Amino acid sequence: MSQIRNTKIQDIKHQINQSKLFTINDFKFDFPESGEVLVKITFRASSKYLFSIFDDYTIKKEPQHFLALTLPQTSYSKEKVLQIKMSPGNDKNIEILTIDNLDEGIRKINSWLYNLDEDLKCGDFFDEIENSSNIDNFEEVLNKKFANENEKFTNEEKENLIKKISELQERIENLEDKNKSIPDFDKKKKESINSFEESKKEINSYPKKAWYLKTYNRFQTMDKWLNLANKLTTTIKNLLENIQN
């Protein structure tokens, strides 16, 4: 059993679920049963990107006491504090902040996701809804294919991928009106089209490994309302496995 309550774990995953930048399967979660670390979230495409909440200690100077005929004495004590570690941080690659409570730390996840998205799009890339078994297997494929996590797409690769994604997108755009009997059909269709558009944009800025992870998970989380969803994830996986290094 983790040190923090299930309701807090749910709040943490909800922060990522409601993000428009990433999906929950883009990350690994660890909630240790003991020790100083309470929460650890790691980006699957690069372990250097993480968010953690942990207990630490700071040295506190106690007030001086002046007694007659004696020199003032200075004493210190250890004070327990709650901290978060973000990589990337708001200004630094690694940033550690002291927080008042767990809820404050959970709210910081949004700014970390924003920083992560910015960092991945940077021109100079330095150095459940969950399907755990599938995403773990896919991560293994990514690790084998992309030893260099900073590798970017060539112009030819970009053109090829954009063409294939556009073809898949067109299939959704041309779904017949008879499907409108499906609950929230218009909303889900629009969300799916937006997912394709985001993936096409990110081809120009993301490293290959991060792009494949996000695109795969983006399609994985399309609702079961669309049978095409499973075919899309298979197509993306095939695209990956056919890449020539």
Protein backbone atom coordinates (compact mmCIF):
# COMPACT_ATOMS: atom_id res chain seq x y z
CA MET A 1 0.00 0.00 0.00
CA SER A 2 1.34 3.41 -0.94
CA GLN A 3 2.00 6.05 1.69
CA ILE A 4 -0.56 8.42 0.20
CA ARG A 5 -4.30 7.77 -0.03
CA ASN A 6 -5.97 6.43 -3.17
CA THR A 7 -7.94 9.67 -3.50
CA LYS A 8 -4.66 11.59 -3.85
CA ILE A 9 -3.37 9.11 -6.44
CA GLN A 10 -6.61 9.64 -8.34
CA ASP A 11 -6.12 13.43 -8.16
CA ILE A 12 -2.59 13.07 -9.53
CA LYS A 13 -3.68 11.01 -12.52
CA HIS A 14 -6.64 13.32 -13.10
CA GLN A 15 -4.23 16.25 -13.50
CA ILE A 16 -2.58 14.47 -16.43
CA ASN A 17 -5.85 13.06 -17.81
CA GLN A 18 -7.30 16.53 -18.25
CA SER A 19 -4.14 17.85 -19.93
CA LYS A 20 -4.36 18.70 -23.62
CA LEU A 21 -0.61 18.17 -23.99
CA PHE A 22 -0.10 14.55 -22.86
CA THR A 23 -1.96 11.34 -22.04
CA ILE A 24 -1.62 9.24 -18.91
CA ASN A 25 0.18 6.49 -20.84
CA ASP A 26 3.01 8.89 -21.65
CA PHE A 27 4.18 8.42 -18.06
CA LYS A 28 5.17 5.81 -15.50
CA PHE A 29 3.86 6.21 -11.94
CA ASP A 30 5.45 5.08 -8.70
CA PHE A 31 3.86 5.45 -5.26
CA PRO A 32 6.32 3.81 -2.82
CA GLU A 33 5.10 2.06 0.33
CA SER A 34 7.87 3.59 2.44
CA GLY A 35 10.76 6.02 2.33
CA GLU A 36 11.03 9.72 1.63
CA VAL A 37 9.53 9.65 -1.89
CA LEU A 38 5.72 9.82 -1.92
CA VAL A 39 5.14 10.24 -5.65
CA LYS A 40 7.34 9.77 -8.72
CA ILE A 41 6.19 10.36 -12.30
CA THR A 42 8.59 9.63 -15.16
CA PHE A 43 8.20 10.46 -18.87
CA ARG A 44 8.49 7.16 -20.76
CA ALA A 45 10.40 8.60 -23.72
CA SER A 46 13.19 10.01 -21.54
CA SER A 47 13.79 9.15 -17.88
CA LYS A 48 15.53 12.48 -17.27
CA TYR A 49 12.09 14.10 -17.29
CA LEU A 50 10.37 13.48 -13.98
CA PHE A 51 8.15 14.94 -11.29
CA SER A 52 8.36 13.80 -7.66
CA ILE A 53 6.96 14.75 -4.27
CA PHE A 54 9.07 13.79 -1.27
CA ASP A 55 9.84 14.45 2.39
CA ASP A 56 13.09 16.19 3.30
CA TYR A 57 14.66 17.93 6.25
CA THR A 58 16.00 21.43 6.70
CA ILE A 59 18.23 22.78 9.45
CA LYS A 60 16.48 25.38 11.56
CA LYS A 61 18.34 27.81 13.78
CA GLU A 62 16.80 28.07 17.24
CA PRO A 63 16.46 31.43 19.06
CA GLN A 64 19.44 32.38 21.19
CA HIS A 65 19.08 32.39 24.97
CA PHE A 66 21.11 34.85 26.97
CA LEU A 67 21.90 33.85 30.54
CA ALA A 68 23.74 35.91 33.10
CA LEU A 69 27.51 35.42 33.14
CA THR A 70 27.45 33.04 30.16
CA LEU A 71 28.08 33.42 26.44
CA PRO A 72 25.06 33.21 24.11
CA GLN A 73 24.51 29.66 22.87
CA THR A 74 23.43 28.83 19.29
CA SER A 75 21.47 25.64 18.70
CA TYR A 76 19.95 23.99 15.64
CA SER A 77 17.16 21.51 14.99
CA LYS A 78 15.95 19.43 12.03
CA GLU A 79 12.58 20.38 10.57
CA LYS A 80 10.64 18.09 8.23
CA VAL A 81 9.46 19.73 5.00
CA LEU A 82 7.54 18.60 1.92
CA GLN A 83 9.17 19.28 -1.44
CA ILE A 84 8.67 18.73 -5.15
CA LYS A 85 11.31 18.05 -7.78
CA MET A 86 10.55 18.98 -11.39
CA SER A 87 12.64 18.26 -14.43
CA PRO A 88 12.30 20.46 -16.35
CA GLY A 89 11.53 23.22 -13.88
CA ASN A 90 10.22 26.69 -14.57
CA ASP A 91 13.69 28.17 -15.06
CA LYS A 92 16.18 25.38 -14.45
CA ASN A 93 16.58 21.89 -15.87
CA ILE A 94 16.00 20.58 -12.34
CA GLU A 95 14.03 22.61 -9.83
CA ILE A 96 13.22 21.80 -6.19
CA LEU A 97 10.49 23.71 -4.38
CA THR A 98 9.19 23.54 -0.81
CA ILE A 99 5.41 23.19 -0.56
CA ASP A 100 2.93 23.41 2.31
CA ASN A 101 0.90 20.30 1.54
CA LEU A 102 0.34 17.47 -0.95
CA ASP A 103 -2.49 19.24 -2.77
CA GLU A 104 -0.19 22.15 -3.57
CA GLY A 105 2.29 19.69 -5.06
CA ILE A 106 -0.40 18.02 -7.18
CA ARG A 107 -1.40 21.40 -8.60
CA LYS A 108 2.21 21.93 -9.74
CA ILE A 109 1.90 19.00 -12.18
CA ASN A 110 0.21 21.27 -14.73
CA SER A 111 3.17 23.65 -14.90
CA TRP A 112 5.55 20.67 -15.17
CA LEU A 113 3.61 19.30 -18.16
CA TYR A 114 3.78 22.72 -19.80
CA ASN A 115 7.55 22.89 -19.22
CA LEU A 116 8.00 19.37 -20.59
CA ASP A 117 6.07 20.18 -23.76
CA GLU A 118 8.16 23.33 -24.27
CA ASP A 119 11.41 21.43 -23.74
CA LEU A 120 10.48 18.71 -26.22
CA LYS A 121 9.66 21.31 -28.86
CA CYS A 122 12.89 23.20 -28.28
CA GLY A 123 15.11 23.37 -31.39
CA ASP A 124 18.09 22.22 -29.33
CA PHE A 125 16.88 19.15 -27.51
CA PHE A 126 19.34 18.65 -24.70
CA ASP A 127 21.33 15.74 -24.23
CA GLU A 128 -7.46 3.07 -15.93
CA ILE A 129 -7.23 4.42 -19.21
CA GLU A 130 -3.82 2.69 -18.90
CA ASN A 131 -2.90 -0.38 -20.95
CA SER A 132 0.22 -1.17 -18.95
CA SER A 133 1.35 -4.33 -20.73
CA ASN A 134 0.86 -2.79 -24.18
CA ILE A 135 2.59 0.47 -23.38
CA ASP A 136 5.47 -1.32 -21.62
CA ASN A 137 6.01 -3.49 -24.69
CA PHE A 138 5.83 -0.47 -26.95
CA GLU A 139 8.38 1.32 -24.76
CA GLU A 140 10.76 -1.61 -25.23
CA VAL A 141 10.40 -1.27 -28.99
CA LEU A 142 11.12 2.46 -28.72
CA ASN A 143 14.22 1.87 -26.62
CA LYS A 144 15.59 -0.64 -29.15
CA LYS A 145 14.81 1.53 -32.17
CA PHE A 146 15.96 4.86 -30.76
CA ALA A 147 19.12 4.55 -28.72
CA ASN A 148 19.56 8.27 -29.31
CA GLU A 149 16.47 9.83 -27.73
CA ASN A 150 17.30 13.21 -29.34
CA GLU A 151 17.11 11.89 -32.94
CA LYS A 152 14.81 14.02 -35.11
CA PHE A 153 12.86 13.12 -38.26
CA THR A 154 14.37 13.78 -41.67
CA ASN A 155 12.29 15.78 -44.16
CA GLU A 156 11.53 12.60 -46.09
CA GLU A 157 10.35 10.81 -42.93
CA LYS A 158 8.18 13.80 -42.02
CA GLU A 159 6.50 13.82 -45.43
CA ASN A 160 5.85 10.07 -45.28
CA LEU A 161 4.34 10.17 -41.78
CA ILE A 162 2.20 13.24 -42.44
CA LYS A 163 0.82 11.56 -45.56
CA LYS A 164 -0.10 8.38 -43.68
CA ILE A 165 -1.64 10.28 -40.74
CA SER A 166 -3.62 12.47 -43.14
CA GLU A 167 -5.05 9.34 -44.76
CA LEU A 168 -6.17 8.04 -41.37
CA GLN A 169 -7.60 11.42 -40.47
CA GLU A 170 -9.59 11.52 -43.69
CA ARG A 171 -11.21 8.20 -42.81
CA ILE A 172 -12.56 9.72 -39.61
CA GLU A 173 -13.62 12.97 -41.28
CA ASN A 174 -15.67 10.95 -43.80
CA LEU A 175 -17.56 8.87 -41.27
CA GLU A 176 -21.22 8.72 -42.28
CA ASP A 177 -23.96 10.57 -40.41
CA LYS A 178 -25.59 7.28 -39.44
CA ASN A 179 -22.99 7.08 -36.69
CA LYS A 180 -24.60 10.08 -35.02
CA SER A 181 -26.68 7.62 -33.01
CA ILE A 182 -23.49 6.99 -31.00
CA PRO A 183 -23.45 9.14 -27.82
CA ASP A 184 -21.30 12.29 -28.18
CA PHE A 185 -20.47 11.35 -31.78
CA ASP A 186 -19.70 14.91 -32.95
CA LYS A 187 -17.58 15.66 -29.90
CA LYS A 188 -15.55 12.47 -30.19
CA LYS A 189 -15.08 12.90 -33.91
CA LYS A 190 -13.76 16.43 -33.37
CA GLU A 191 -11.41 15.28 -30.58
CA SER A 192 -10.03 12.54 -32.82
CA ILE A 193 -9.40 14.96 -35.69
CA ASN A 194 -7.66 17.35 -33.30
CA SER A 195 -5.42 14.49 -32.15
CA PHE A 196 -4.30 13.87 -35.73
CA GLU A 197 -3.59 17.57 -36.24
CA GLU A 198 -1.50 17.77 -33.09
CA SER A 199 0.51 14.70 -34.11
CA LYS A 200 1.24 16.19 -37.54
CA LYS A 201 2.40 19.47 -35.98
CA GLU A 202 4.66 17.73 -33.47
CA ILE A 203 6.50 15.82 -36.21
CA ASN A 204 8.34 19.07 -36.98
CA SER A 205 9.46 19.72 -33.42
CA TYR A 206 9.56 16.52 -31.35
CA PRO A 207 12.34 13.92 -31.32
CA LYS A 208 11.31 10.62 -32.94
CA LYS A 209 11.07 8.63 -29.71
CA ALA A 210 8.90 11.20 -27.92
CA TRP A 211 6.69 11.65 -31.00
CA TYR A 212 5.99 7.94 -31.42
CA LEU A 213 5.18 7.56 -27.72
CA LYS A 214 2.75 10.48 -27.69
CA THR A 215 1.12 9.54 -30.99
CA TYR A 216 0.67 5.90 -29.99
CA ASN A 217 -0.88 6.83 -26.64
CA ARG A 218 -2.99 9.55 -28.21
CA PHE A 219 -4.57 6.98 -30.52
CA GLN A 220 -4.77 4.35 -27.78
CA THR A 221 -6.97 6.64 -25.71
CA MET A 222 -9.50 7.18 -28.47
CA ASP A 223 -12.75 5.73 -27.16
CA LYS A 224 -13.97 2.31 -28.21
CA TRP A 225 -16.82 4.02 -30.05
CA LEU A 226 -14.58 3.94 -33.09
CA ASN A 227 -13.47 0.47 -34.21
CA LEU A 228 -10.88 2.24 -36.30
CA ALA A 229 -8.99 3.18 -33.12
CA ASN A 230 -7.32 -0.22 -32.72
CA LYS A 231 -6.36 -0.21 -36.39
CA LEU A 232 -4.80 3.20 -35.93
CA THR A 233 -2.59 2.11 -33.06
CA THR A 234 -1.53 -0.95 -35.06
CA THR A 235 -0.72 1.28 -38.02
CA ILE A 236 1.42 3.58 -35.88
CA LYS A 237 3.24 0.61 -34.39
CA ASN A 238 3.88 -0.78 -37.88
CA LEU A 239 5.20 2.60 -38.99
CA LEU A 240 7.65 2.48 -36.11
CA GLU A 241 8.80 -1.05 -36.76
CA ASN A 242 9.37 -0.31 -40.45
CA ILE A 243 11.57 2.72 -39.80
CA GLN A 244 15.03 2.23 -41.22
CA ASN A 245 17.73 3.39 -38.84
